[in-house]
Amino acid sequence: MNNEQSLLPPKISFFEKRLTIILARDDAMVCAFCPELDLVTEMATPDEALEDMLEAMQDYAGEYLEDLEIYENSPNRAHHLPYIQAIAACKDVWDIRMLIEIHHGRVQV
């Protein structure tokens, strides 16, 4: 490595944000909602809710791709395909985290 290369900052790559996760708290629990995929989870803490949502996204992507013909012909699920493909292209949970943008809120009934 020459001197010019050693002075350059490291390159940081990132994915364009494609999926939203809204973490909303009520008095007892935290809900994680992904509006693009119509997925909802609920856990005791924000970290647990987020981890559960990431797992739900992976599971849903696998199920979607296994039954692709059914899902891509479903009027309320066909539009999920680009998101599913983005999740499926991820090597690990870190890559999936790079696809999401997290917002915080409160559940109001």
Protein backbone atom coordinates (compact mmCIF):
# COMPACT_ATOMS: atom_id res chain seq x y z
CA MET A 1 0.00 0.00 0.00
CA ASN A 2 1.44 3.37 -0.91
CA ASN A 3 1.24 6.53 1.21
CA GLU A 4 -1.70 7.96 -0.74
CA GLN A 5 -3.80 4.84 -0.13
CA SER A 6 -3.01 4.77 3.57
CA LEU A 7 -4.31 8.35 3.95
CA LEU A 8 -7.69 7.57 2.39
CA PRO A 9 -10.56 6.88 4.79
CA PRO A 10 -12.04 3.38 4.64
CA LYS A 11 -15.01 2.94 2.34
CA ILE A 12 -18.27 2.21 4.07
CA SER A 13 -20.98 0.61 1.98
CA PHE A 14 -24.67 0.61 2.80
CA PHE A 15 -27.95 -0.39 1.21
CA GLU A 16 -30.59 2.13 0.35
CA LYS A 17 -33.23 1.89 3.07
CA ARG A 18 -36.10 -0.16 1.76
CA LEU A 19 -38.04 -1.40 4.76
CA THR A 20 -39.46 0.43 7.76
CA ILE A 21 -39.83 -0.95 11.25
CA ILE A 22 -41.93 1.06 13.66
CA LEU A 23 -41.30 0.26 17.32
CA ALA A 24 -44.29 1.41 19.35
CA ARG A 25 -44.63 1.08 23.12
CA ASP A 26 -47.78 0.79 25.17
CA ASP A 27 -47.90 0.43 28.96
CA ALA A 28 -46.61 -3.15 29.02
CA MET A 29 -45.21 -4.27 25.66
CA VAL A 30 -43.37 -3.09 22.54
CA CYS A 31 -44.87 -3.71 19.11
CA ALA A 32 -42.69 -3.93 15.99
CA PHE A 33 -44.54 -3.22 12.74
CA CYS A 34 -43.19 -3.46 9.19
CA PRO A 35 -45.78 -1.71 6.99
CA GLU A 36 -44.18 -2.77 3.70
CA LEU A 37 -44.61 -6.46 4.56
CA ASP A 38 -47.68 -6.23 6.84
CA LEU A 39 -45.78 -7.97 9.67
CA VAL A 40 -46.29 -7.31 13.37
CA THR A 41 -44.56 -8.72 16.44
CA GLU A 42 -44.87 -7.89 20.12
CA MET A 43 -42.30 -8.43 22.86
CA ALA A 44 -41.36 -7.06 26.28
CA THR A 45 -38.48 -4.80 25.17
CA PRO A 46 -37.57 -2.79 22.05
CA ASP A 47 -34.51 -4.99 21.41
CA GLU A 48 -36.56 -8.18 21.68
CA ALA A 49 -39.28 -6.75 19.41
CA LEU A 50 -36.71 -5.74 16.81
CA GLU A 51 -34.93 -9.11 16.90
CA ASP A 52 -38.28 -10.90 16.63
CA MET A 53 -39.23 -8.76 13.65
CA LEU A 54 -35.92 -9.49 11.89
CA GLU A 55 -36.54 -13.20 12.41
CA ALA A 56 -40.14 -12.84 11.18
CA MET A 57 -38.89 -11.06 8.06
CA GLN A 58 -36.43 -13.88 7.32
CA ASP A 59 -39.09 -16.54 7.93
CA TYR A 60 -41.63 -14.71 5.76
CA ALA A 61 -39.10 -14.31 2.94
CA GLY A 62 -38.35 -18.03 3.02
CA GLU A 63 -42.02 -18.96 3.05
CA TYR A 64 -42.79 -16.47 0.28
CA LEU A 65 -40.08 -17.88 -1.99
CA GLU A 66 -41.11 -21.49 -1.25
CA ASP A 67 -44.68 -20.71 -2.32
CA LEU A 68 -43.80 -18.01 -4.86
CA GLU A 69 -46.64 -18.76 -7.27
CA ILE A 70 -49.25 -18.41 -4.54
CA TYR A 71 -47.80 -15.20 -3.10
CA GLU A 72 -47.06 -13.44 -6.39
CA ASN A 73 -50.67 -14.02 -7.46
CA SER A 74 -52.12 -12.82 -4.17
CA PRO A 75 -53.64 -9.32 -4.48
CA ASN A 76 -52.45 -8.29 -1.02
CA ARG A 77 -48.98 -9.96 -1.12
CA ALA A 78 -47.73 -9.70 -4.72
CA HIS A 79 -46.24 -6.24 -4.13
CA HIS A 80 -43.98 -7.70 -1.42
CA LEU A 81 -41.76 -9.48 -3.97
CA PRO A 82 -39.07 -6.75 -4.34
CA TYR A 83 -38.72 -6.60 -0.54
CA ILE A 84 -38.57 -10.40 -0.30
CA GLN A 85 -35.87 -10.51 -2.96
CA ALA A 86 -33.87 -7.86 -1.07
CA ILE A 87 -34.12 -9.85 2.17
CA ALA A 88 -33.22 -13.10 0.40
CA ALA A 89 -30.12 -11.46 -1.11
CA CYS A 90 -28.80 -10.63 2.38
CA LYS A 91 -25.97 -12.81 3.66
CA ASP A 92 -26.85 -12.37 7.32
CA VAL A 93 -28.92 -10.38 9.83
CA TRP A 94 -26.45 -7.48 9.62
CA ASP A 95 -27.29 -7.08 5.94
CA ILE A 96 -31.01 -7.16 6.74
CA ARG A 97 -30.45 -4.46 9.36
CA MET A 98 -28.91 -2.34 6.61
CA LEU A 99 -32.20 -2.62 4.69
CA ILE A 100 -34.32 -1.19 7.48
CA GLU A 101 -35.07 2.21 8.91
CA ILE A 102 -36.38 2.24 12.48
CA HIS A 103 -38.93 4.72 13.80
CA HIS A 104 -40.25 4.98 17.35
CA GLY A 105 -43.74 5.75 18.60
CA ARG A 106 -46.45 4.96 21.13
CA VAL A 107 -49.48 2.73 20.77
CA GLN A 108 -52.64 4.78 21.29
CA VAL A 109 -55.99 3.06 21.61
